[in-house]
């Protein structure tokens, strides 16, 4: 079962940013239940008082989920600030989709490498 390490996720974040999509986030080291480095993508919203993190739904899973952390208090914002927040949220959704696509690609490559080659 392929894992997405901190280094691999950082590479994917760098690729996402290389396309000109700047997002306020980083990849943290996360220990999986078996002690392996599974990586965790943390995104800080500039226009809200919360952070979110992204990770596969389960180890080895191609689908990703986003967790919005609870805020300590209500947020009161203007319509313009809400517009800015919606742009940030769309960018976060785009990043999560990108990570899902990269995970699927990563899994396909790992499966090809595990297949026995046609011997001669």
Protein backbone atom coordinates (compact mmCIF):
# COMPACT_ATOMS: atom_id res chain seq x y z
CA UNK A 1 0.00 0.00 0.00
CA UNK A 2 1.71 3.22 -1.11
CA UNK A 3 2.01 5.99 1.44
CA UNK A 4 2.16 9.69 0.81
CA UNK A 5 5.16 10.82 2.82
CA UNK A 6 5.86 14.36 3.93
CA UNK A 7 8.49 14.66 1.18
CA UNK A 8 6.11 13.37 -1.52
CA UNK A 9 3.30 15.69 -0.41
CA UNK A 10 5.73 18.61 -0.32
CA UNK A 11 6.72 17.81 -3.91
CA UNK A 12 3.04 17.82 -4.91
CA UNK A 13 2.48 21.14 -3.09
CA UNK A 14 5.46 22.59 -4.96
CA UNK A 15 3.96 21.40 -8.26
CA UNK A 16 0.60 23.00 -7.36
CA UNK A 17 2.32 26.29 -6.56
CA UNK A 18 4.47 26.11 -9.70
CA UNK A 19 1.26 26.54 -11.69
CA UNK A 20 0.90 29.99 -10.09
CA UNK A 21 -1.61 28.91 -7.45
CA UNK A 22 -0.31 30.35 -4.20
CA UNK A 23 -1.87 28.89 -1.11
CA UNK A 24 -0.99 29.54 2.53
CA UNK A 25 -0.17 26.05 3.64
CA UNK A 26 2.52 23.58 4.48
CA UNK A 27 3.09 19.86 4.81
CA UNK A 28 3.60 18.51 8.31
CA UNK A 29 5.01 15.19 9.41
CA UNK A 30 2.22 12.91 10.59
CA UNK A 31 2.83 9.49 12.05
CA UNK A 32 0.36 6.89 10.86
CA UNK A 33 -1.01 4.21 13.16
CA UNK A 34 1.85 1.90 12.19
CA UNK A 35 4.47 4.61 12.77
CA UNK A 36 5.02 5.43 9.10
CA UNK A 37 5.31 9.00 7.85
CA UNK A 38 1.97 9.67 6.16
CA UNK A 39 2.23 13.46 5.80
CA UNK A 40 -0.50 16.00 6.46
CA UNK A 41 -1.34 19.11 4.40
CA UNK A 42 -2.28 22.09 6.57
CA UNK A 43 -3.86 25.20 5.02
CA UNK A 44 -4.19 28.48 6.90
CA UNK A 45 -6.99 30.72 5.74
CA UNK A 46 -5.98 34.38 5.67
CA UNK A 47 -9.58 35.62 5.72
CA UNK A 48 -10.85 33.40 8.54
CA UNK A 49 -9.73 32.46 12.03
CA UNK A 50 -9.44 28.77 11.31
CA UNK A 51 -7.12 26.28 9.71
CA UNK A 52 -7.95 23.23 7.69
CA UNK A 53 -6.07 20.08 7.01
CA UNK A 54 -6.20 17.61 4.15
CA UNK A 55 -5.42 13.94 4.16
CA UNK A 56 -6.46 10.71 2.45
CA UNK A 57 -9.76 9.32 3.77
CA UNK A 58 -7.79 6.24 4.91
CA UNK A 59 -4.21 4.98 4.45
CA UNK A 60 -3.65 4.08 0.82
CA UNK A 61 -6.96 5.68 -0.20
CA UNK A 62 -7.02 7.88 -3.32
CA UNK A 63 -9.93 10.01 -2.07
CA UNK A 64 -9.02 12.94 0.17
CA UNK A 65 -10.99 14.83 2.79
CA UNK A 66 -10.75 18.31 4.24
CA UNK A 67 -11.23 18.98 7.94
CA UNK A 68 -12.13 22.53 8.97
CA UNK A 69 -11.03 23.07 12.53
CA UNK A 70 -13.43 24.64 15.00
CA UNK A 71 -13.10 28.33 15.67
CA UNK A 72 -13.00 29.73 19.19
CA UNK A 73 -15.50 32.48 18.34
CA UNK A 74 -17.91 33.71 15.69
CA UNK A 75 -16.55 35.62 12.71
CA UNK A 76 -18.19 38.80 11.49
CA UNK A 77 -17.00 39.86 8.05
CA UNK A 78 -17.96 42.22 5.25
CA UNK A 79 -19.22 41.09 1.84
CA UNK A 80 -15.79 41.88 0.37
CA UNK A 81 -14.07 39.75 3.01
CA UNK A 82 -16.51 36.94 2.26
CA UNK A 83 -15.58 37.22 -1.43
CA UNK A 84 -11.91 36.91 -0.49
CA UNK A 85 -12.66 33.94 1.75
CA UNK A 86 -14.58 32.22 -1.04
CA UNK A 87 -11.53 32.57 -3.29
CA UNK A 88 -9.38 30.94 -0.60
CA UNK A 89 -11.88 28.12 -0.12
CA UNK A 90 -12.02 27.47 -3.88
CA UNK A 91 -8.22 27.34 -3.98
CA UNK A 92 -8.24 24.84 -1.09
CA UNK A 93 -10.80 22.70 -2.95
CA UNK A 94 -8.58 22.86 -6.06
CA UNK A 95 -5.58 21.73 -3.99
CA UNK A 96 -7.54 18.81 -2.53
CA UNK A 97 -8.63 17.71 -6.02
CA UNK A 98 -5.02 18.05 -7.21
CA UNK A 99 -3.84 15.84 -4.33
CA UNK A 100 -6.49 13.25 -5.21
CA UNK A 101 -5.32 13.23 -8.84
CA UNK A 102 -1.68 12.91 -7.79
CA UNK A 103 -2.64 10.08 -5.39
CA UNK A 104 -4.41 8.17 -8.17
CA UNK A 105 -1.41 8.66 -10.46
CA UNK A 106 0.95 7.58 -7.65
CA UNK A 107 -1.09 4.42 -7.02
CA UNK A 108 -1.17 3.52 -10.73
CA UNK A 109 2.61 3.86 -10.95
CA UNK A 110 3.11 1.77 -7.79
CA UNK A 111 0.81 -0.95 -9.18
CA UNK A 112 2.79 -1.04 -12.45
CA UNK A 113 6.03 -1.41 -10.51
CA UNK A 114 4.61 -4.34 -8.49
CA UNK A 115 3.44 -6.25 -11.57
CA UNK A 116 5.73 -9.05 -12.64
CA UNK A 117 7.37 -8.28 -15.95
CA UNK A 118 6.65 -10.53 -18.91
CA UNK A 119 9.70 -12.77 -18.87
CA UNK A 120 11.55 -13.92 -21.94
